[in-house]
């Protein structure tokens, strides 16, 4: 009925192992962060003989981030993963949500016997949110300070310069090369700094010098 959502099916690890797509088994499932998806549509990938058959019938969340398909990597323990690896998990979760049917939750690390999120899941989701926030901030910094073009020759050493496409950032200004230092980081890297107009994020005003972000 409209507005009615049936309670998600809860599976144990033993039940999930029965869904590896082999003859006589009831189906082909995999789990990611405790969410179970029916991947029958992708049988050529996840079924017996497929390149990703080791993902079927289990929650191998760590392997989606690390690419480790050994028994040590085919686990749901995601502790110690880096922000880019957590973003990879987030991306894969979006992929399965968009392309495969969710069928329930796996009771264990991420959901309890009532289907409620565990503390472990809340911690992972919070870490993913932080990684997404950091990624957005990094993209904004790249828009403000795009990387320089560079080339090296034995005769002249390294040359840096800026263009309206350097760093892969299309823009209406080229800027000038400058060294960017970040708090807490050693060394620097070359970025293009806008040298005209108001500072980044500031409206045009007589209070600002016409020096872009040089100050």
C-alpha atoms as a PDB file:
ATOM      1  CA  UNK A   1       0.000   0.000   0.000  1.00  0.00           C
ATOM      2  CA  UNK A   2       1.026   3.578  -0.464  1.00  0.00           C
ATOM      3  CA  UNK A   3       3.122   4.706   2.473  1.00  0.00           C
ATOM      4  CA  UNK A   4       3.716   1.153   3.652  1.00  0.00           C
ATOM      5  CA  UNK A   5       7.248  -0.220   3.692  1.00  0.00           C
ATOM      6  CA  UNK A   6       7.652  -3.863   4.722  1.00  0.00           C
ATOM      7  CA  UNK A   7      10.276  -4.605   7.307  1.00  0.00           C
ATOM      8  CA  UNK A   8      13.606  -5.343   5.670  1.00  0.00           C
ATOM      9  CA  UNK A   9      14.536  -9.008   5.605  1.00  0.00           C
ATOM     10  CA  UNK A  10      17.232  -9.935   8.111  1.00  0.00           C
ATOM     11  CA  UNK A  11      19.819 -12.547   7.145  1.00  0.00           C
ATOM     12  CA  UNK A  12      22.484 -14.248   9.192  1.00  0.00           C
ATOM     13  CA  UNK A  13      25.962 -14.812   7.769  1.00  0.00           C
ATOM     14  CA  UNK A  14      25.127 -18.513   7.385  1.00  0.00           C
ATOM     15  CA  UNK A  15      21.980 -17.701   5.410  1.00  0.00           C
ATOM     16  CA  UNK A  16      23.823 -15.263   3.173  1.00  0.00           C
ATOM     17  CA  UNK A  17      26.408 -17.936   2.303  1.00  0.00           C
ATOM     18  CA  UNK A  18      23.609 -19.926   0.648  1.00  0.00           C
ATOM     19  CA  UNK A  19      23.227 -17.180  -1.969  1.00  0.00           C
ATOM     20  CA  UNK A  20      26.338 -17.661  -4.105  1.00  0.00           C
ATOM     21  CA  UNK A  21      24.497 -18.564  -7.299  1.00  0.00           C
ATOM     22  CA  UNK A  22      25.539 -22.207  -7.450  1.00  0.00           C
ATOM     23  CA  UNK A  23      23.090 -24.842  -8.779  1.00  0.00           C
ATOM     24  CA  UNK A  24      20.516 -25.654  -6.122  1.00  0.00           C
ATOM     25  CA  UNK A  25      21.114 -22.434  -4.189  1.00  0.00           C
ATOM     26  CA  UNK A  26      18.208 -19.976  -3.810  1.00  0.00           C
ATOM     27  CA  UNK A  27      19.835 -16.947  -5.422  1.00  0.00           C
ATOM     28  CA  UNK A  28      22.814 -14.640  -5.782  1.00  0.00           C
ATOM     29  CA  UNK A  29      23.340 -11.978  -3.115  1.00  0.00           C
ATOM     30  CA  UNK A  30      26.163  -9.854  -1.774  1.00  0.00           C
ATOM     31  CA  UNK A  31      26.366  -7.418   1.124  1.00  0.00           C
ATOM     32  CA  UNK A  32      28.067  -4.055   1.483  1.00  0.00           C
ATOM     33  CA  UNK A  33      28.155  -2.271   4.847  1.00  0.00           C
ATOM     34  CA  UNK A  34      25.582  -4.811   5.981  1.00  0.00           C
ATOM     35  CA  UNK A  35      23.088  -3.997   3.222  1.00  0.00           C
ATOM     36  CA  UNK A  36      22.183  -7.031   1.126  1.00  0.00           C
ATOM     37  CA  UNK A  37      21.601  -6.750  -2.630  1.00  0.00           C
ATOM     38  CA  UNK A  38      20.266  -9.242  -5.164  1.00  0.00           C
ATOM     39  CA  UNK A  39      22.912  -9.271  -7.900  1.00  0.00           C
ATOM     40  CA  UNK A  40      21.320 -11.922 -10.118  1.00  0.00           C
ATOM     41  CA  UNK A  41      21.326  -9.409 -12.991  1.00  0.00           C
ATOM     42  CA  UNK A  42      25.114  -9.382 -12.752  1.00  0.00           C
ATOM     43  CA  UNK A  43      25.496 -13.180 -12.659  1.00  0.00           C
ATOM     44  CA  UNK A  44      28.281 -13.142 -15.254  1.00  0.00           C
ATOM     45  CA  UNK A  45      30.321 -11.037 -12.797  1.00  0.00           C
ATOM     46  CA  UNK A  46      29.267 -12.431  -9.410  1.00  0.00           C
ATOM     47  CA  UNK A  47      28.142 -15.974 -10.173  1.00  0.00           C
ATOM     48  CA  UNK A  48      30.334 -19.116 -10.342  1.00  0.00           C
ATOM     49  CA  UNK A  49      33.191 -18.463 -12.750  1.00  0.00           C
ATOM     50  CA  UNK A  50      32.730 -14.688 -12.655  1.00  0.00           C
ATOM     51  CA  UNK A  51      35.573 -12.281 -11.951  1.00  0.00           C
ATOM     52  CA  UNK A  52      33.911 -11.128  -8.708  1.00  0.00           C
ATOM     53  CA  UNK A  53      32.448 -14.445  -7.569  1.00  0.00           C
ATOM     54  CA  UNK A  54      34.363 -14.157  -4.274  1.00  0.00           C
ATOM     55  CA  UNK A  55      32.124 -11.218  -3.288  1.00  0.00           C
ATOM     56  CA  UNK A  56      28.933 -13.289  -3.454  1.00  0.00           C
ATOM     57  CA  UNK A  57      27.321 -14.709  -0.354  1.00  0.00           C
ATOM     58  CA  UNK A  58      29.186 -12.472   2.091  1.00  0.00           C
ATOM     59  CA  UNK A  59      29.893  -8.947   3.252  1.00  0.00           C
ATOM     60  CA  UNK A  60      33.334  -8.167   1.851  1.00  0.00           C
ATOM     61  CA  UNK A  61      33.156  -4.393   2.302  1.00  0.00           C
ATOM     62  CA  UNK A  62      36.895  -4.069   2.873  1.00  0.00           C
ATOM     63  CA  UNK A  63      37.698  -5.616  -0.516  1.00  0.00           C
ATOM     64  CA  UNK A  64      35.676  -2.927  -2.291  1.00  0.00           C
ATOM     65  CA  UNK A  65      38.067  -0.337  -0.861  1.00  0.00           C
ATOM     66  CA  UNK A  66      41.360  -2.218  -0.862  1.00  0.00           C
ATOM     67  CA  UNK A  67      41.043  -4.442  -3.933  1.00  0.00           C
ATOM     68  CA  UNK A  68      42.351  -7.313  -1.797  1.00  0.00           C
ATOM     69  CA  UNK A  69      40.424 -10.437  -2.803  1.00  0.00           C
ATOM     70  CA  UNK A  70      42.381 -12.803  -0.573  1.00  0.00           C
ATOM     71  CA  UNK A  71      40.625 -14.293   2.470  1.00  0.00           C
ATOM     72  CA  UNK A  72      42.215 -11.555   4.596  1.00  0.00           C
ATOM     73  CA  UNK A  73      40.614  -8.861   2.431  1.00  0.00           C
ATOM     74  CA  UNK A  74      37.188 -10.434   1.926  1.00  0.00           C
ATOM     75  CA  UNK A  75      35.897  -9.223   5.293  1.00  0.00           C
ATOM     76  CA  UNK A  76      33.572  -6.534   6.626  1.00  0.00           C
ATOM     77  CA  UNK A  77      36.135  -4.948   8.958  1.00  0.00           C
ATOM     78  CA  UNK A  78      36.858  -1.450   7.619  1.00  0.00           C
ATOM     79  CA  UNK A  79      39.005  -0.144  10.470  1.00  0.00           C
ATOM     80  CA  UNK A  80      42.108   1.766   9.425  1.00  0.00           C
ATOM     81  CA  UNK A  81      40.884   2.617   5.929  1.00  0.00           C
ATOM     82  CA  UNK A  82      41.942   5.974   4.480  1.00  0.00           C
ATOM     83  CA  UNK A  83      39.457   8.701   3.461  1.00  0.00           C
ATOM     84  CA  UNK A  84      39.849   7.859  -0.273  1.00  0.00           C
ATOM     85  CA  UNK A  85      39.145   4.194   0.522  1.00  0.00           C
ATOM     86  CA  UNK A  86      36.035   5.166   2.497  1.00  0.00           C
ATOM     87  CA  UNK A  87      34.899   7.269  -0.460  1.00  0.00           C
ATOM     88  CA  UNK A  88      35.346   4.196  -2.668  1.00  0.00           C
ATOM     89  CA  UNK A  89      32.964   2.274  -0.396  1.00  0.00           C
ATOM     90  CA  UNK A  90      30.496   5.156  -0.580  1.00  0.00           C
ATOM     91  CA  UNK A  91      30.711   5.108  -4.369  1.00  0.00           C
ATOM     92  CA  UNK A  92      30.151   1.345  -4.551  1.00  0.00           C
ATOM     93  CA  UNK A  93      27.174   1.597  -2.214  1.00  0.00           C
ATOM     94  CA  UNK A  94      25.626   4.190  -4.520  1.00  0.00           C
ATOM     95  CA  UNK A  95      26.320   1.920  -7.503  1.00  0.00           C
ATOM     96  CA  UNK A  96      24.537  -1.067  -5.979  1.00  0.00           C
ATOM     97  CA  UNK A  97      21.657   1.066  -4.719  1.00  0.00           C
ATOM     98  CA  UNK A  98      21.159   2.439  -8.240  1.00  0.00           C
ATOM     99  CA  UNK A  99      21.588  -0.830 -10.160  1.00  0.00           C
ATOM    100  CA  UNK A 100      20.483  -3.723  -7.945  1.00  0.00           C
ATOM    101  CA  UNK A 101      17.540  -4.599  -5.745  1.00  0.00           C
ATOM    102  CA  UNK A 102      18.110  -4.247  -1.985  1.00  0.00           C
ATOM    103  CA  UNK A 103      16.682  -7.299  -0.228  1.00  0.00           C
ATOM    104  CA  UNK A 104      17.549  -6.833   3.427  1.00  0.00           C
ATOM    105  CA  UNK A 105      20.209  -6.439   6.064  1.00  0.00           C
ATOM    106  CA  UNK A 106      22.935  -8.710   7.357  1.00  0.00           C
ATOM    107  CA  UNK A 107      22.873  -9.292  11.095  1.00  0.00           C
ATOM    108  CA  UNK A 108      26.371  -8.825  12.451  1.00  0.00           C
ATOM    109  CA  UNK A 109      28.875  -5.985  12.449  1.00  0.00           C
ATOM    110  CA  UNK A 110      26.612  -3.280  10.999  1.00  0.00           C
ATOM    111  CA  UNK A 111      23.062  -4.300  11.996  1.00  0.00           C
ATOM    112  CA  UNK A 112      21.804  -5.991  15.144  1.00  0.00           C
ATOM    113  CA  UNK A 113      19.253  -8.807  15.378  1.00  0.00           C
ATOM    114  CA  UNK A 114      16.445  -6.239  15.169  1.00  0.00           C
ATOM    115  CA  UNK A 115      17.839  -4.634  12.017  1.00  0.00           C
ATOM    116  CA  UNK A 116      18.931  -1.504  13.865  1.00  0.00           C
ATOM    117  CA  UNK A 117      22.244   0.158  12.940  1.00  0.00           C
ATOM    118  CA  UNK A 118      25.120  -0.700  15.258  1.00  0.00           C
ATOM    119  CA  UNK A 119      27.702   1.679  16.673  1.00  0.00           C
ATOM    120  CA  UNK A 120      30.181   0.287  14.123  1.00  0.00           C
ATOM    121  CA  UNK A 121      27.927   1.376  11.253  1.00  0.00           C
ATOM    122  CA  UNK A 122      27.395   4.819  12.758  1.00  0.00           C
ATOM    123  CA  UNK A 123      31.165   5.253  13.068  1.00  0.00           C
ATOM    124  CA  UNK A 124      31.754   4.254   9.449  1.00  0.00           C
ATOM    125  CA  UNK A 125      28.987   6.538   8.187  1.00  0.00           C
ATOM    126  CA  UNK A 126      30.408   9.441  10.217  1.00  0.00           C
ATOM    127  CA  UNK A 127      33.869   8.765   8.767  1.00  0.00           C
ATOM    128  CA  UNK A 128      32.431   8.704   5.243  1.00  0.00           C
ATOM    129  CA  UNK A 129      30.667  12.020   5.895  1.00  0.00           C
ATOM    130  CA  UNK A 130      33.979  13.521   7.024  1.00  0.00           C
ATOM    131  CA  UNK A 131      35.692  12.157   3.903  1.00  0.00           C
ATOM    132  CA  UNK A 132      32.972  13.648   1.689  1.00  0.00           C
ATOM    133  CA  UNK A 133      33.325  16.998   3.436  1.00  0.00           C
ATOM    134  CA  UNK A 134      37.103  16.906   3.010  1.00  0.00           C
ATOM    135  CA  UNK A 135      36.691  16.000  -0.671  1.00  0.00           C
ATOM    136  CA  UNK A 136      34.341  18.944  -1.228  1.00  0.00           C
ATOM    137  CA  UNK A 137      36.770  21.298   0.511  1.00  0.00           C
ATOM    138  CA  UNK A 138      39.647  19.921  -1.563  1.00  0.00           C
ATOM    139  CA  UNK A 139      37.690  20.488  -4.773  1.00  0.00           C
ATOM    140  CA  UNK A 140      36.963  24.045  -3.703  1.00  0.00           C
ATOM    141  CA  UNK A 141      40.649  24.642  -2.908  1.00  0.00           C
ATOM    142  CA  UNK A 142      41.562  23.263  -6.326  1.00  0.00           C
ATOM    143  CA  UNK A 143      39.142  25.720  -7.940  1.00  0.00           C
ATOM    144  CA  UNK A 144      40.734  28.575  -6.011  1.00  0.00           C
ATOM    145  CA  UNK A 145      44.332  27.390  -6.410  1.00  0.00           C
ATOM    146  CA  UNK A 146      44.617  25.105  -9.478  1.00  0.00           C
ATOM    147  CA  UNK A 147      47.914  23.203  -9.871  1.00  0.00           C
ATOM    148  CA  UNK A 148      50.539  24.676 -12.181  1.00  0.00           C
ATOM    149  CA  UNK A 149      51.720  23.216 -15.441  1.00  0.00           C
ATOM    150  CA  UNK A 150      55.283  21.957 -15.192  1.00  0.00           C
ATOM    151  CA  UNK A 151      58.014  20.467 -17.342  1.00  0.00           C
ATOM    152  CA  UNK A 152      61.606  19.380 -16.717  1.00  0.00           C
ATOM    153  CA  UNK A 153      64.672  19.376 -18.912  1.00  0.00           C
ATOM    154  CA  UNK A 154      68.281  18.587 -18.126  1.00  0.00           C
ATOM    155  CA  UNK A 155      69.356  21.914 -19.614  1.00  0.00           C
ATOM    156  CA  UNK A 156      66.919  24.218 -17.829  1.00  0.00           C
ATOM    157  CA  UNK A 157      65.613  22.182 -14.888  1.00  0.00           C
ATOM    158  CA  UNK A 158      61.948  22.501 -13.917  1.00  0.00           C
ATOM    159  CA  UNK A 159      59.714  25.182 -15.371  1.00  0.00           C
ATOM    160  CA  UNK A 160      56.300  26.106 -13.948  1.00  0.00           C
ATOM    161  CA  UNK A 161      53.599  28.143 -15.665  1.00  0.00           C
ATOM    162  CA  UNK A 162      49.869  28.780 -15.563  1.00  0.00           C
ATOM    163  CA  UNK A 163      47.155  28.652 -18.204  1.00  0.00           C
ATOM    164  CA  UNK A 164      43.356  28.803 -18.249  1.00  0.00           C
ATOM    165  CA  UNK A 165      43.316  24.977 -18.139  1.00  0.00           C
ATOM    166  CA  UNK A 166      46.235  24.104 -15.855  1.00  0.00           C
ATOM    167  CA  UNK A 167      45.486  21.497 -13.221  1.00  0.00           C
ATOM    168  CA  UNK A 168      42.512  20.350 -15.276  1.00  0.00           C
ATOM    169  CA  UNK A 169      40.470  23.315 -14.003  1.00  0.00           C
ATOM    170  CA  UNK A 170      38.740  25.256 -16.784  1.00  0.00           C
ATOM    171  CA  UNK A 171      38.474  28.918 -15.852  1.00  0.00           C
ATOM    172  CA  UNK A 172      38.490  32.437 -17.237  1.00  0.00           C
ATOM    173  CA  UNK A 173      41.836  33.403 -15.725  1.00  0.00           C
ATOM    174  CA  UNK A 174      45.365  32.002 -15.908  1.00  0.00           C
ATOM    175  CA  UNK A 175      46.962  33.352 -12.742  1.00  0.00           C
ATOM    176  CA  UNK A 176      50.600  33.277 -11.739  1.00  0.00           C
ATOM    177  CA  UNK A 177      52.665  30.439 -10.212  1.00  0.00           C
ATOM    178  CA  UNK A 178      53.185  30.549  -6.445  1.00  0.00           C
ATOM    179  CA  UNK A 179      54.253  28.066  -3.775  1.00  0.00           C
ATOM    180  CA  UNK A 180      51.379  26.922  -1.563  1.00  0.00           C
ATOM    181  CA  UNK A 181      52.174  25.841   1.994  1.00  0.00           C
ATOM    182  CA  UNK A 182      49.606  24.063   4.163  1.00  0.00           C
ATOM    183  CA  UNK A 183      49.602  24.138   7.971  1.00  0.00           C
ATOM    184  CA  UNK A 184      51.026  20.928   9.370  1.00  0.00           C
ATOM    185  CA  UNK A 185      52.510  19.814   6.047  1.00  0.00           C
ATOM    186  CA  UNK A 186      56.134  19.837   5.045  1.00  0.00           C
ATOM    187  CA  UNK A 187      57.194  21.349   1.752  1.00  0.00           C
ATOM    188  CA  UNK A 188      55.005  23.104  -0.782  1.00  0.00           C
ATOM    189  CA  UNK A 189      53.532  22.634  -4.231  1.00  0.00           C
ATOM    190  CA  UNK A 190      53.012  24.977  -7.150  1.00  0.00           C
ATOM    191  CA  UNK A 191      49.560  26.485  -7.668  1.00  0.00           C
ATOM    192  CA  UNK A 192      48.133  29.169  -9.914  1.00  0.00           C
ATOM    193  CA  UNK A 193      46.954  32.241  -8.035  1.00  0.00           C
ATOM    194  CA  UNK A 194      44.506  34.732  -9.495  1.00  0.00           C
ATOM    195  CA  UNK A 195      46.262  38.090  -9.700  1.00  0.00           C
ATOM    196  CA  UNK A 196      43.378  40.433 -10.553  1.00  0.00           C
ATOM    197  CA  UNK A 197      39.929  41.193  -9.184  1.00  0.00           C
ATOM    198  CA  UNK A 198      38.678  40.741  -5.590  1.00  0.00           C
ATOM    199  CA  UNK A 199      39.858  37.914  -3.320  1.00  0.00           C
ATOM    200  CA  UNK A 200      38.203  34.486  -3.644  1.00  0.00           C
ATOM    201  CA  UNK A 201      34.575  34.527  -2.532  1.00  0.00           C
ATOM    202  CA  UNK A 202      34.465  38.290  -2.081  1.00  0.00           C
ATOM    203  CA  UNK A 203      32.213  40.627  -4.098  1.00  0.00           C
ATOM    204  CA  UNK A 204      33.677  43.425  -6.167  1.00  0.00           C
ATOM    205  CA  UNK A 205      34.168  46.368  -3.817  1.00  0.00           C
ATOM    206  CA  UNK A 206      36.280  49.444  -3.570  1.00  0.00           C
ATOM    207  CA  UNK A 207      37.509  48.079  -0.225  1.00  0.00           C
ATOM    208  CA  UNK A 208      39.455  45.363  -2.004  1.00  0.00           C
ATOM    209  CA  UNK A 209      42.642  45.814  -3.974  1.00  0.00           C
ATOM    210  CA  UNK A 210      42.628  44.532  -7.541  1.00  0.00           C
ATOM    211  CA  UNK A 211      45.091  41.733  -6.706  1.00  0.00           C
ATOM    212  CA  UNK A 212      42.955  38.603  -6.629  1.00  0.00           C
ATOM    213  CA  UNK A 213      44.357  36.157  -4.051  1.00  0.00           C
ATOM    214  CA  UNK A 214      47.955  37.433  -4.103  1.00  0.00           C
ATOM    215  CA  UNK A 215      47.512  38.924  -0.630  1.00  0.00           C
END
